[in-house]
Amino acid sequence: MIPVVKSLSVEGAVSSSADKFLTRRPSQEEAEAAVRTLILWAGDNPAREGLAETPRRVAKAYKEFYKGYGEDPHHILDRVFEEVEGYGDMVLVRDIPFYSHCEHHMVPFVGKAHIGYYPAKGVVGLSKLARIVDVYARRLQTQETMTAQIADMIEEALEPRGVAVLIEAEHMCMSMRGVQKQGSSTMTTQYRGLFRDDPAEQVRFFTMVKSPGL
């Protein structure tokens, strides 16, 4: 008699795995074992000299790549400077470099972020905007989601009259695999408040971002 094996759907397997992760974070040893499995799957020997320490190095690198999960963006923007002598024009920080990892293939995408806002209650230290970019970049991401998250956080913390975020990036999942089109870039934007309601403000923001004279 052929035994009947109860199958588990893909959705069920994924859900079970996710539930397990939420209750217990894998240990360093488990993370390293996973890297060894991937090395074997790629066709190499994780025990050979050049790869013996790779699992430890990869686990350590992942802590840095994805440290954004352990950082609170609210804490970064918790101090607003209200004494700005009546300044109400645009504040623009452009060319903020970042690297992130695509959540679909876990390969890097690298680029620059540009952030502009019109103060209402006050301003934040300029370096804080760069740190907000890093918090969201150092997670598994899509560029579209990251752009919206940055705009949402600035709007929530500063309550400005307007927020504009523009991100330009090259995706290695498009350059290294698939269509393999090196040098192509992706641009995403989010406009809130004045920038959303007035196309002229969008033009001004974009012009200031791209102006070589600044």
Protein backbone atom coordinates (compact mmCIF):
# COMPACT_ATOMS: atom_id res chain seq x y z
CA MET A 1 0.00 0.00 0.00
CA ILE A 2 1.38 3.41 -0.97
CA PRO A 3 1.49 5.74 2.04
CA VAL A 4 -0.34 9.02 1.69
CA VAL A 5 1.87 12.04 2.40
CA LYS A 6 0.07 15.22 3.39
CA SER A 7 1.53 18.01 1.29
CA LEU A 8 2.23 21.50 2.59
CA SER A 9 1.42 24.38 0.29
CA VAL A 10 4.10 26.91 -0.61
CA GLU A 11 2.06 29.62 1.12
CA GLY A 12 1.85 27.51 4.26
CA ALA A 13 5.57 26.81 4.25
CA VAL A 14 6.42 30.47 3.83
CA SER A 15 3.98 31.48 6.58
CA SER A 16 5.38 28.87 8.95
CA SER A 17 8.93 30.02 8.29
CA ALA A 18 7.98 33.66 8.82
CA ASP A 19 6.17 32.86 12.07
CA LYS A 20 9.23 31.03 13.35
CA PHE A 21 11.47 33.98 12.50
CA LEU A 22 9.20 36.42 14.31
CA THR A 23 9.45 34.39 17.53
CA ARG A 24 13.22 33.80 17.43
CA ARG A 25 16.03 35.48 15.55
CA PRO A 26 18.50 32.98 14.06
CA SER A 27 21.79 32.65 15.89
CA GLN A 28 25.22 33.56 14.49
CA GLU A 29 25.91 29.85 14.00
CA GLU A 30 22.68 29.35 12.05
CA ALA A 31 23.44 32.34 9.84
CA GLU A 32 26.91 30.99 9.09
CA ALA A 33 25.48 27.56 8.30
CA ALA A 34 23.10 29.17 5.82
CA VAL A 35 26.05 30.82 4.05
CA ARG A 36 27.85 27.47 3.83
CA THR A 37 24.74 25.99 2.23
CA LEU A 38 24.71 28.75 -0.40
CA ILE A 39 28.41 28.19 -1.13
CA LEU A 40 27.73 24.49 -1.65
CA TRP A 41 24.71 25.30 -3.83
CA ALA A 42 26.91 27.60 -5.95
CA GLY A 43 29.24 24.64 -6.53
CA ASP A 44 32.21 25.37 -4.28
CA ASN A 45 33.66 23.86 -1.13
CA PRO A 46 33.05 25.99 1.99
CA ALA A 47 35.83 24.12 3.79
CA ARG A 48 38.62 25.16 1.44
CA GLU A 49 41.13 27.71 2.68
CA GLY A 50 39.81 30.72 0.80
CA LEU A 51 36.22 30.12 1.93
CA ALA A 52 36.69 28.76 5.45
CA GLU A 53 36.14 32.16 7.08
CA THR A 54 33.63 33.44 4.52
CA PRO A 55 30.47 32.48 6.45
CA ARG A 56 31.66 34.46 9.49
CA ARG A 57 32.58 37.45 7.31
CA VAL A 58 29.26 37.37 5.48
CA ALA A 59 27.26 37.24 8.71
CA LYS A 60 29.26 40.20 10.02
CA ALA A 61 28.75 42.12 6.77
CA TYR A 62 24.99 41.48 6.89
CA LYS A 63 24.82 43.15 10.29
CA GLU A 64 26.23 46.28 8.67
CA PHE A 65 24.26 46.03 5.43
CA TYR A 66 20.94 45.74 7.27
CA LYS A 67 21.55 47.73 10.44
CA GLY A 68 18.63 49.99 9.50
CA TYR A 69 16.26 47.42 11.03
CA GLY A 70 17.69 48.23 14.45
CA GLU A 71 17.49 52.03 14.12
CA ASP A 72 14.51 54.23 14.93
CA PRO A 73 13.99 57.08 12.42
CA HIS A 74 11.77 58.89 14.94
CA HIS A 75 14.73 59.16 17.30
CA ILE A 76 16.92 60.67 14.57
CA LEU A 77 14.42 63.45 13.85
CA ASP A 78 13.33 64.06 17.44
CA ARG A 79 15.00 67.47 17.73
CA VAL A 80 13.66 70.38 15.70
CA PHE A 81 15.35 73.79 15.81
CA GLU A 82 12.67 76.47 15.94
CA GLU A 83 14.97 79.52 16.03
CA VAL A 84 15.53 80.02 12.31
CA GLU A 85 15.03 83.81 12.18
CA GLY A 86 11.86 83.51 10.14
CA TYR A 87 13.42 81.40 7.38
CA GLY A 88 10.65 79.86 5.31
CA ASP A 89 12.22 79.07 1.94
CA MET A 90 13.22 75.63 0.69
CA VAL A 91 15.88 73.63 2.50
CA LEU A 92 17.61 71.31 0.06
CA VAL A 93 20.17 68.58 0.73
CA ARG A 94 21.21 66.91 -2.48
CA ASP A 95 23.59 64.16 -3.61
CA ILE A 96 23.25 62.06 -0.46
CA PRO A 97 25.03 58.81 -1.40
CA PHE A 98 23.55 55.49 -0.32
CA TYR A 99 23.63 51.79 -1.02
CA SER A 100 20.81 49.38 -0.41
CA HIS A 101 19.79 45.83 -1.34
CA CYS A 102 16.91 44.84 -3.58
CA GLU A 103 14.39 42.75 -1.68
CA HIS A 104 13.71 40.64 -4.77
CA HIS A 105 17.25 39.38 -5.45
CA MET A 106 19.24 40.65 -2.44
CA VAL A 107 21.77 42.37 -4.70
CA PRO A 108 22.80 46.02 -4.29
CA PHE A 109 21.33 49.13 -5.75
CA VAL A 110 23.44 52.26 -5.36
CA GLY A 111 22.70 55.91 -5.91
CA LYS A 112 21.97 59.35 -4.52
CA ALA A 113 19.03 60.87 -2.68
CA HIS A 114 17.91 64.50 -2.82
CA ILE A 115 15.60 65.94 -0.16
CA GLY A 116 13.89 69.33 -0.08
CA TYR A 117 11.34 70.75 2.33
CA TYR A 118 9.64 74.02 3.28
CA PRO A 119 9.90 74.52 7.07
CA ALA A 120 6.84 75.25 9.17
CA LYS A 121 7.69 74.59 12.83
CA GLY A 122 11.46 74.58 12.34
CA VAL A 123 14.39 72.74 10.78
CA VAL A 124 16.56 69.74 11.62
CA GLY A 125 20.31 69.34 11.43
CA LEU A 126 21.28 68.68 7.82
CA SER A 127 23.15 65.50 8.72
CA LYS A 128 19.91 64.08 10.13
CA LEU A 129 18.42 63.95 6.64
CA ALA A 130 21.37 61.91 5.44
CA ARG A 131 20.94 59.57 8.40
CA ILE A 132 17.26 59.08 7.57
CA VAL A 133 18.27 57.98 4.08
CA ASP A 134 20.69 55.45 5.58
CA VAL A 135 18.12 54.05 8.03
CA TYR A 136 15.80 53.07 5.20
CA ALA A 137 18.53 52.19 2.70
CA ARG A 138 20.11 49.66 5.06
CA ARG A 139 17.17 47.29 4.82
CA LEU A 140 15.87 45.00 2.12
CA GLN A 141 14.13 47.49 -0.12
CA THR A 142 12.53 48.58 -3.33
CA GLN A 143 13.48 52.03 -4.52
CA GLU A 144 9.84 53.05 -4.71
CA THR A 145 9.14 52.06 -1.10
CA MET A 146 12.31 53.70 0.19
CA THR A 147 11.40 56.99 -1.51
CA ALA A 148 7.96 57.00 0.08
CA GLN A 149 9.28 56.01 3.53
CA ILE A 150 11.73 58.93 3.58
CA ALA A 151 9.01 61.41 2.57
CA ASP A 152 6.57 59.97 5.12
CA MET A 153 9.07 60.21 7.96
CA ILE A 154 10.07 63.81 7.24
CA GLU A 155 6.44 64.85 6.86
CA GLU A 156 5.48 63.16 10.14
CA ALA A 157 8.42 64.50 12.18
CA LEU A 158 8.67 68.08 10.87
CA GLU A 159 5.14 68.79 9.67
CA PRO A 160 6.59 71.03 6.95
CA ARG A 161 4.62 72.94 4.35
CA GLY A 162 6.02 70.64 1.69
CA VAL A 163 8.42 67.73 1.18
CA ALA A 164 10.14 66.54 -2.01
CA VAL A 165 12.28 63.42 -2.31
CA LEU A 166 14.08 62.31 -5.46
CA ILE A 167 16.17 59.15 -5.63
CA GLU A 168 18.40 58.06 -8.51
CA ALA A 169 19.98 54.62 -8.46
CA GLU A 170 21.58 51.88 -10.51
CA HIS A 171 20.27 48.41 -9.73
CA MET A 172 22.69 45.50 -9.89
CA CYS A 173 19.76 43.12 -10.44
CA MET A 174 19.40 44.84 -13.81
CA SER A 175 23.13 45.30 -14.48
CA MET A 176 24.51 41.93 -13.34
CA ARG A 177 21.66 39.57 -14.23
CA GLY A 178 18.56 39.42 -16.39
CA VAL A 179 18.82 41.98 -19.19
CA GLN A 180 22.34 42.98 -18.02
CA LYS A 181 22.08 46.64 -18.98
CA GLN A 182 24.97 48.37 -17.24
CA GLY A 183 24.74 52.09 -16.63
CA SER A 184 20.95 52.36 -16.69
CA SER A 185 19.44 54.33 -13.82
CA THR A 186 16.06 54.52 -12.14
CA MET A 187 14.51 57.72 -10.78
CA THR A 188 11.70 57.89 -8.23
CA THR A 189 10.01 60.90 -6.64
CA GLN A 190 7.59 61.74 -3.86
CA TYR A 191 5.96 65.16 -3.47
CA ARG A 192 3.93 66.27 -0.47
CA GLY A 193 2.22 69.54 0.49
CA LEU A 194 3.33 72.52 -1.60
CA PHE A 195 5.34 70.30 -3.93
CA ARG A 196 2.38 68.05 -4.65
CA ASP A 197 -0.07 70.92 -5.15
CA ASP A 198 2.09 73.27 -7.21
CA PRO A 199 3.89 71.89 -10.31
CA ALA A 200 6.06 75.02 -10.35
CA GLU A 201 7.55 73.96 -7.00
CA GLN A 202 8.35 70.55 -8.46
CA VAL A 203 10.16 72.26 -11.31
CA ARG A 204 12.07 74.49 -8.90
CA PHE A 205 13.12 71.51 -6.78
CA PHE A 206 14.24 69.50 -9.80
CA THR A 207 16.12 72.50 -11.23
CA MET A 208 17.97 73.09 -7.97
CA VAL A 209 18.86 69.41 -7.69
CA LYS A 210 20.29 69.30 -11.21
CA SER A 211 21.88 72.77 -11.27
CA PRO A 212 25.69 72.45 -11.72
CA GLY A 213 26.18 75.88 -10.17
CA LEU A 214 25.26 74.85 -6.61
